[in-house]
Amino acid sequence: MDTRSINDISSQLSMVCGKLGSLASGSETIKATNPDLAATYEDMLLDEIKHVQILALELTKLAVSEERADDGAFAEGELNSVLGEEEDDE
């Protein structure tokens, strides 16, 4: 397990999560006076949420050793679906 990388990603997650609260608050505050700017804040908020998801996935990869990779909560291939595609029931 790569402890240093886990610590680095955890620090980044903490900082990005701080941005989420700030952007959400800013969006709500500005919404009444400048809807266009509020939309910009919401777009930025969604970008930061995407960054949290990416960092969380990378953190998970680092935290799980190769020996335990098959003991996950998901079966092989379960996380490979594409949004909007229908699944084939076998």
C-alpha atoms as a PDB file:
ATOM      1  CA  MET A   1       0.000   0.000   0.000  1.00  0.00           C
ATOM      2  CA  ASP A   2       1.331   3.420  -0.984  1.00  0.00           C
ATOM      3  CA  THR A   3       0.802   5.393   2.240  1.00  0.00           C
ATOM      4  CA  ARG A   4       2.293   8.637   0.954  1.00  0.00           C
ATOM      5  CA  SER A   5       0.035   8.718  -2.100  1.00  0.00           C
ATOM      6  CA  ILE A   6      -2.981   7.893   0.064  1.00  0.00           C
ATOM      7  CA  ASN A   7      -2.115  10.839   2.327  1.00  0.00           C
ATOM      8  CA  ASP A   8      -1.639  13.135  -0.681  1.00  0.00           C
ATOM      9  CA  ILE A   9      -4.977  12.188  -2.212  1.00  0.00           C
ATOM     10  CA  SER A  10      -6.711  12.510   1.158  1.00  0.00           C
ATOM     11  CA  SER A  11      -5.348  16.041   1.498  1.00  0.00           C
ATOM     12  CA  GLN A  12      -6.545  16.910  -1.999  1.00  0.00           C
ATOM     13  CA  LEU A  13      -9.990  15.486  -1.227  1.00  0.00           C
ATOM     14  CA  SER A  14     -10.201  17.645   1.859  1.00  0.00           C
ATOM     15  CA  MET A  15      -9.336  20.780  -0.102  1.00  0.00           C
ATOM     16  CA  VAL A  16     -11.757  19.996  -2.935  1.00  0.00           C
ATOM     17  CA  CYS A  17     -14.568  19.297  -0.459  1.00  0.00           C
ATOM     18  CA  GLY A  18     -13.950  22.735   1.065  1.00  0.00           C
ATOM     19  CA  LYS A  19     -14.440  24.224  -2.398  1.00  0.00           C
ATOM     20  CA  LEU A  20     -17.759  22.370  -2.753  1.00  0.00           C
ATOM     21  CA  GLY A  21     -19.248  24.112   0.264  1.00  0.00           C
ATOM     22  CA  SER A  22     -17.984  27.495  -0.857  1.00  0.00           C
ATOM     23  CA  LEU A  23     -19.345  27.103  -4.385  1.00  0.00           C
ATOM     24  CA  ALA A  24     -22.726  25.849  -3.158  1.00  0.00           C
ATOM     25  CA  SER A  25     -23.041  28.793  -0.779  1.00  0.00           C
ATOM     26  CA  GLY A  26     -21.948  31.241  -3.462  1.00  0.00           C
ATOM     27  CA  SER A  27     -24.466  29.863  -5.910  1.00  0.00           C
ATOM     28  CA  GLU A  28     -27.325  30.266  -3.441  1.00  0.00           C
ATOM     29  CA  THR A  29     -26.238  33.779  -2.434  1.00  0.00           C
ATOM     30  CA  ILE A  30     -25.895  35.022  -6.028  1.00  0.00           C
ATOM     31  CA  LYS A  31     -28.959  33.255  -7.467  1.00  0.00           C
ATOM     32  CA  ALA A  32     -31.366  36.072  -6.547  1.00  0.00           C
ATOM     33  CA  THR A  33     -29.282  38.899  -7.991  1.00  0.00           C
ATOM     34  CA  ASN A  34     -27.417  37.355 -10.923  1.00  0.00           C
ATOM     35  CA  PRO A  35     -28.802  34.065 -12.293  1.00  0.00           C
ATOM     36  CA  ASP A  36     -26.134  33.839 -15.021  1.00  0.00           C
ATOM     37  CA  LEU A  37     -23.351  33.988 -12.476  1.00  0.00           C
ATOM     38  CA  ALA A  38     -25.197  31.440 -10.324  1.00  0.00           C
ATOM     39  CA  ALA A  39     -25.199  29.073 -13.318  1.00  0.00           C
ATOM     40  CA  THR A  40     -21.431  29.527 -13.579  1.00  0.00           C
ATOM     41  CA  TYR A  41     -21.072  28.616  -9.895  1.00  0.00           C
ATOM     42  CA  GLU A  42     -23.216  25.524 -10.447  1.00  0.00           C
ATOM     43  CA  ASP A  43     -21.040  24.455 -13.395  1.00  0.00           C
ATOM     44  CA  MET A  44     -17.946  24.896 -11.242  1.00  0.00           C
ATOM     45  CA  LEU A  45     -19.611  22.903  -8.455  1.00  0.00           C
ATOM     46  CA  LEU A  46     -20.265  20.010 -10.844  1.00  0.00           C
ATOM     47  CA  ASP A  47     -16.629  20.102 -11.996  1.00  0.00           C
ATOM     48  CA  GLU A  48     -15.435  19.875  -8.393  1.00  0.00           C
ATOM     49  CA  ILE A  49     -17.821  16.975  -7.724  1.00  0.00           C
ATOM     50  CA  LYS A  50     -16.270  15.205 -10.723  1.00  0.00           C
ATOM     51  CA  HIS A  51     -12.829  15.785  -9.189  1.00  0.00           C
ATOM     52  CA  VAL A  52     -13.997  14.280  -5.880  1.00  0.00           C
ATOM     53  CA  GLN A  53     -15.219  11.189  -7.708  1.00  0.00           C
ATOM     54  CA  ILE A  54     -11.928  10.774  -9.571  1.00  0.00           C
ATOM     55  CA  LEU A  55      -9.881  11.220  -6.403  1.00  0.00           C
ATOM     56  CA  ALA A  56     -12.101   8.778  -4.494  1.00  0.00           C
ATOM     57  CA  LEU A  57     -11.612   6.131  -7.186  1.00  0.00           C
ATOM     58  CA  GLU A  58      -7.851   6.639  -7.159  1.00  0.00           C
ATOM     59  CA  LEU A  59      -7.821   6.458  -3.368  1.00  0.00           C
ATOM     60  CA  THR A  60      -9.751   3.198  -3.509  1.00  0.00           C
ATOM     61  CA  LYS A  61      -7.263   1.743  -5.996  1.00  0.00           C
ATOM     62  CA  LEU A  62      -4.373   2.660  -3.718  1.00  0.00           C
ATOM     63  CA  ALA A  63      -6.013   1.372  -0.550  1.00  0.00           C
ATOM     64  CA  VAL A  64      -6.883  -2.058  -1.916  1.00  0.00           C
ATOM     65  CA  SER A  65      -3.971  -4.404  -2.340  1.00  0.00           C
ATOM     66  CA  GLU A  66      -3.828  -6.622  -5.411  1.00  0.00           C
ATOM     67  CA  GLU A  67      -4.439  -9.723  -3.295  1.00  0.00           C
ATOM     68  CA  ARG A  68      -7.738  -8.286  -2.043  1.00  0.00           C
ATOM     69  CA  ALA A  69      -8.861  -6.763  -5.346  1.00  0.00           C
ATOM     70  CA  ASP A  70     -11.176  -9.704  -6.055  1.00  0.00           C
ATOM     71  CA  ASP A  71     -12.905  -9.423  -2.662  1.00  0.00           C
ATOM     72  CA  GLY A  72     -14.678  -6.161  -3.553  1.00  0.00           C
ATOM     73  CA  ALA A  73     -18.357  -5.384  -3.259  1.00  0.00           C
ATOM     74  CA  PHE A  74     -18.793  -5.476  -7.043  1.00  0.00           C
ATOM     75  CA  ALA A  75     -18.467  -8.425  -9.381  1.00  0.00           C
ATOM     76  CA  GLU A  76     -15.997  -8.254 -12.247  1.00  0.00           C
ATOM     77  CA  GLY A  77     -17.341  -5.975 -14.968  1.00  0.00           C
ATOM     78  CA  GLU A  78     -20.137  -4.429 -12.873  1.00  0.00           C
ATOM     79  CA  LEU A  79     -18.571  -0.984 -12.974  1.00  0.00           C
ATOM     80  CA  ASN A  80     -17.978  -1.044 -16.728  1.00  0.00           C
ATOM     81  CA  SER A  81     -21.462   0.027 -17.827  1.00  0.00           C
ATOM     82  CA  VAL A  82     -21.937   3.262 -19.728  1.00  0.00           C
ATOM     83  CA  LEU A  83     -24.579   5.763 -18.673  1.00  0.00           C
ATOM     84  CA  GLY A  84     -27.638   5.485 -20.884  1.00  0.00           C
ATOM     85  CA  GLU A  85     -26.872   2.030 -22.248  1.00  0.00           C
ATOM     86  CA  GLU A  86     -29.264  -0.819 -21.646  1.00  0.00           C
ATOM     87  CA  GLU A  87     -27.872  -3.859 -19.846  1.00  0.00           C
ATOM     88  CA  ASP A  88     -28.325  -7.283 -21.412  1.00  0.00           C
ATOM     89  CA  ASP A  89     -29.901  -9.708 -18.971  1.00  0.00           C
ATOM     90  CA  GLU A  90     -28.257 -13.050 -19.489  1.00  0.00           C
END
